[in-house]
Amino acid sequence: YVDVTKGYYVRSMARDLGELLNGYGILKDLRRVRSGNYKIDDSIKLEDLTKDKVISIFDFIRLDTLNVKDYLIPLVKNGIALDERQIITDKPFYVNSKEGVLAIYEPVGNNKYKPMVLFGGKNGNN
């Protein structure tokens, strides 16, 4: 069992361990048992999946939220870049409006942010 952080290459660890032992290392089996707060023990089989067991992406991916004024709604829907006039952060965030969640933005440096995902409002259903 190996507990690693995001971006860690377990297959490379097997290769490096083999080289360290003056041989070869291969990975026979790899199974993710946890991702963030979600554990494989809490999962269900597809045939047991029902609508009431599905969680919203907004519950799964918890991010800070930027609530925008009405004049920014069409601009965000069209994928405009945001900057420090709207928010200053080093993490991805939801852009929310009276129409619901419009997008997920990510920082790209110098207090500038670009859209990763556009939803179009109505709580991401469009």
Protein backbone atom coordinates (compact mmCIF):
# COMPACT_ATOMS: atom_id res chain seq x y z
CA TYR A 1 0.00 0.00 0.00
CA VAL A 2 1.40 3.39 -1.05
CA ASP A 3 -0.20 6.68 0.02
CA VAL A 4 0.93 9.43 -2.36
CA THR A 5 -0.06 12.93 -3.38
CA LYS A 6 -1.52 14.15 -6.67
CA GLY A 7 0.88 13.82 -9.58
CA TYR A 8 2.99 11.01 -8.11
CA TYR A 9 3.94 8.34 -10.67
CA VAL A 10 3.67 4.97 -8.94
CA ARG A 11 4.86 3.11 -12.06
CA SER A 12 8.04 5.19 -12.00
CA MET A 13 8.57 4.22 -8.36
CA ALA A 14 8.50 0.53 -9.35
CA ARG A 15 11.04 1.18 -12.12
CA ASP A 16 13.30 3.23 -9.83
CA LEU A 17 13.13 0.61 -7.08
CA GLY A 18 14.19 -2.06 -9.59
CA GLU A 19 17.13 0.06 -10.72
CA LEU A 20 18.12 0.71 -7.10
CA LEU A 21 18.28 -3.07 -6.57
CA ASN A 22 20.39 -3.46 -9.77
CA GLY A 23 17.57 -5.10 -11.65
CA TYR A 24 14.23 -4.29 -13.19
CA GLY A 25 11.00 -3.23 -11.59
CA ILE A 26 7.54 -3.59 -13.02
CA LEU A 27 4.15 -2.85 -11.59
CA LYS A 28 1.99 -5.97 -11.60
CA ASP A 29 -1.18 -4.34 -10.29
CA LEU A 30 -2.34 -0.78 -9.58
CA ARG A 31 -5.60 0.02 -7.87
CA ARG A 32 -6.72 3.44 -6.66
CA VAL A 33 -8.46 3.00 -3.31
CA ARG A 34 -9.00 6.66 -2.46
CA SER A 35 -9.25 10.00 -4.21
CA GLY A 36 -9.53 12.95 -1.86
CA ASN A 37 -12.33 12.22 0.60
CA TYR A 38 -13.81 9.46 -1.56
CA LYS A 39 -12.87 5.86 -0.78
CA ILE A 40 -13.43 2.75 -2.85
CA ASP A 41 -15.17 1.20 0.16
CA ASP A 42 -17.87 3.88 -0.22
CA SER A 43 -18.43 3.15 -3.92
CA ILE A 44 -21.33 1.22 -5.42
CA LYS A 45 -21.66 -1.01 -8.48
CA LEU A 46 -23.17 0.52 -11.62
CA GLU A 47 -26.11 -1.89 -11.49
CA ASP A 48 -26.91 -0.58 -7.98
CA LEU A 49 -26.76 3.07 -9.06
CA THR A 50 -29.96 5.06 -8.63
CA LYS A 51 -30.66 8.75 -9.16
CA ASP A 52 -30.79 9.42 -5.39
CA LYS A 53 -27.23 8.06 -5.01
CA VAL A 54 -25.71 10.45 -7.57
CA ILE A 55 -23.97 13.48 -6.09
CA SER A 56 -23.72 16.84 -7.80
CA ILE A 57 -20.40 17.91 -9.30
CA PHE A 58 -20.69 20.96 -7.03
CA ASP A 59 -20.74 18.69 -3.97
CA PHE A 60 -17.92 16.55 -5.33
CA ILE A 61 -15.62 19.38 -6.35
CA ARG A 62 -15.65 21.92 -3.55
CA LEU A 63 -14.27 25.26 -4.65
CA ASP A 64 -14.51 28.87 -3.59
CA THR A 65 -17.20 30.87 -5.36
CA LEU A 66 -17.10 34.26 -7.07
CA ASN A 67 -20.56 35.83 -7.32
CA VAL A 68 -20.68 38.12 -10.34
CA LYS A 69 -22.93 41.07 -11.12
CA ASP A 70 -25.43 40.92 -13.98
CA TYR A 71 -23.24 42.78 -16.50
CA LEU A 72 -20.59 40.03 -16.29
CA ILE A 73 -22.99 37.13 -16.97
CA PRO A 74 -22.86 37.25 -20.80
CA LEU A 75 -19.12 37.91 -20.73
CA VAL A 76 -18.44 34.87 -18.53
CA LYS A 77 -20.75 32.73 -20.71
CA ASN A 78 -18.55 33.73 -23.65
CA GLY A 79 -15.37 32.75 -21.82
CA ILE A 80 -13.89 36.16 -21.00
CA ALA A 81 -10.72 36.18 -18.89
CA LEU A 82 -11.12 37.57 -15.38
CA ASP A 83 -8.56 39.50 -13.35
CA GLU A 84 -7.86 41.09 -9.97
CA ARG A 85 -10.85 43.42 -10.38
CA GLN A 86 -13.08 40.41 -9.75
CA ILE A 87 -10.99 38.14 -7.49
CA ILE A 88 -7.48 37.42 -6.25
CA THR A 89 -6.73 33.75 -5.59
CA ASP A 90 -4.27 31.02 -6.46
CA LYS A 91 -6.94 28.29 -6.68
CA PRO A 92 -9.68 27.34 -9.16
CA PHE A 93 -13.13 28.75 -8.34
CA TYR A 94 -16.76 28.67 -9.41
CA VAL A 95 -18.30 31.72 -11.05
CA ASN A 96 -21.86 32.07 -9.80
CA SER A 97 -24.65 34.46 -10.75
CA LYS A 98 -28.37 34.87 -10.31
CA GLU A 99 -28.64 32.31 -13.16
CA GLY A 100 -26.63 29.70 -11.23
CA VAL A 101 -23.09 28.44 -11.70
CA LEU A 102 -21.68 29.75 -14.98
CA ALA A 103 -18.14 28.37 -15.04
CA ILE A 104 -15.08 27.04 -13.27
CA TYR A 105 -12.05 29.32 -13.66
CA GLU A 106 -8.38 28.66 -12.99
CA PRO A 107 -5.49 31.03 -12.27
CA VAL A 108 -3.01 31.51 -15.11
CA GLY A 109 -0.60 33.93 -13.39
CA ASN A 110 -0.39 37.66 -12.68
CA ASN A 111 -3.89 37.70 -11.12
CA LYS A 112 -5.47 36.54 -14.39
CA TYR A 113 -7.97 33.70 -14.67
CA LYS A 114 -9.30 31.71 -17.60
CA PRO A 115 -12.33 29.42 -17.82
CA MET A 116 -11.74 25.68 -17.49
CA VAL A 117 -15.42 24.71 -17.86
CA LEU A 118 -18.40 26.78 -19.01
CA PHE A 119 -21.82 25.69 -17.71
CA GLY A 120 -24.09 28.49 -18.89
CA GLY A 121 -26.06 28.93 -15.65
CA LYS A 122 -29.19 27.25 -14.30
CA ASN A 123 -26.94 25.41 -11.79
CA GLY A 124 -24.82 23.91 -14.51
CA ASN A 125 -27.66 22.15 -16.32
CA ASN A 126 -27.22 23.92 -19.67
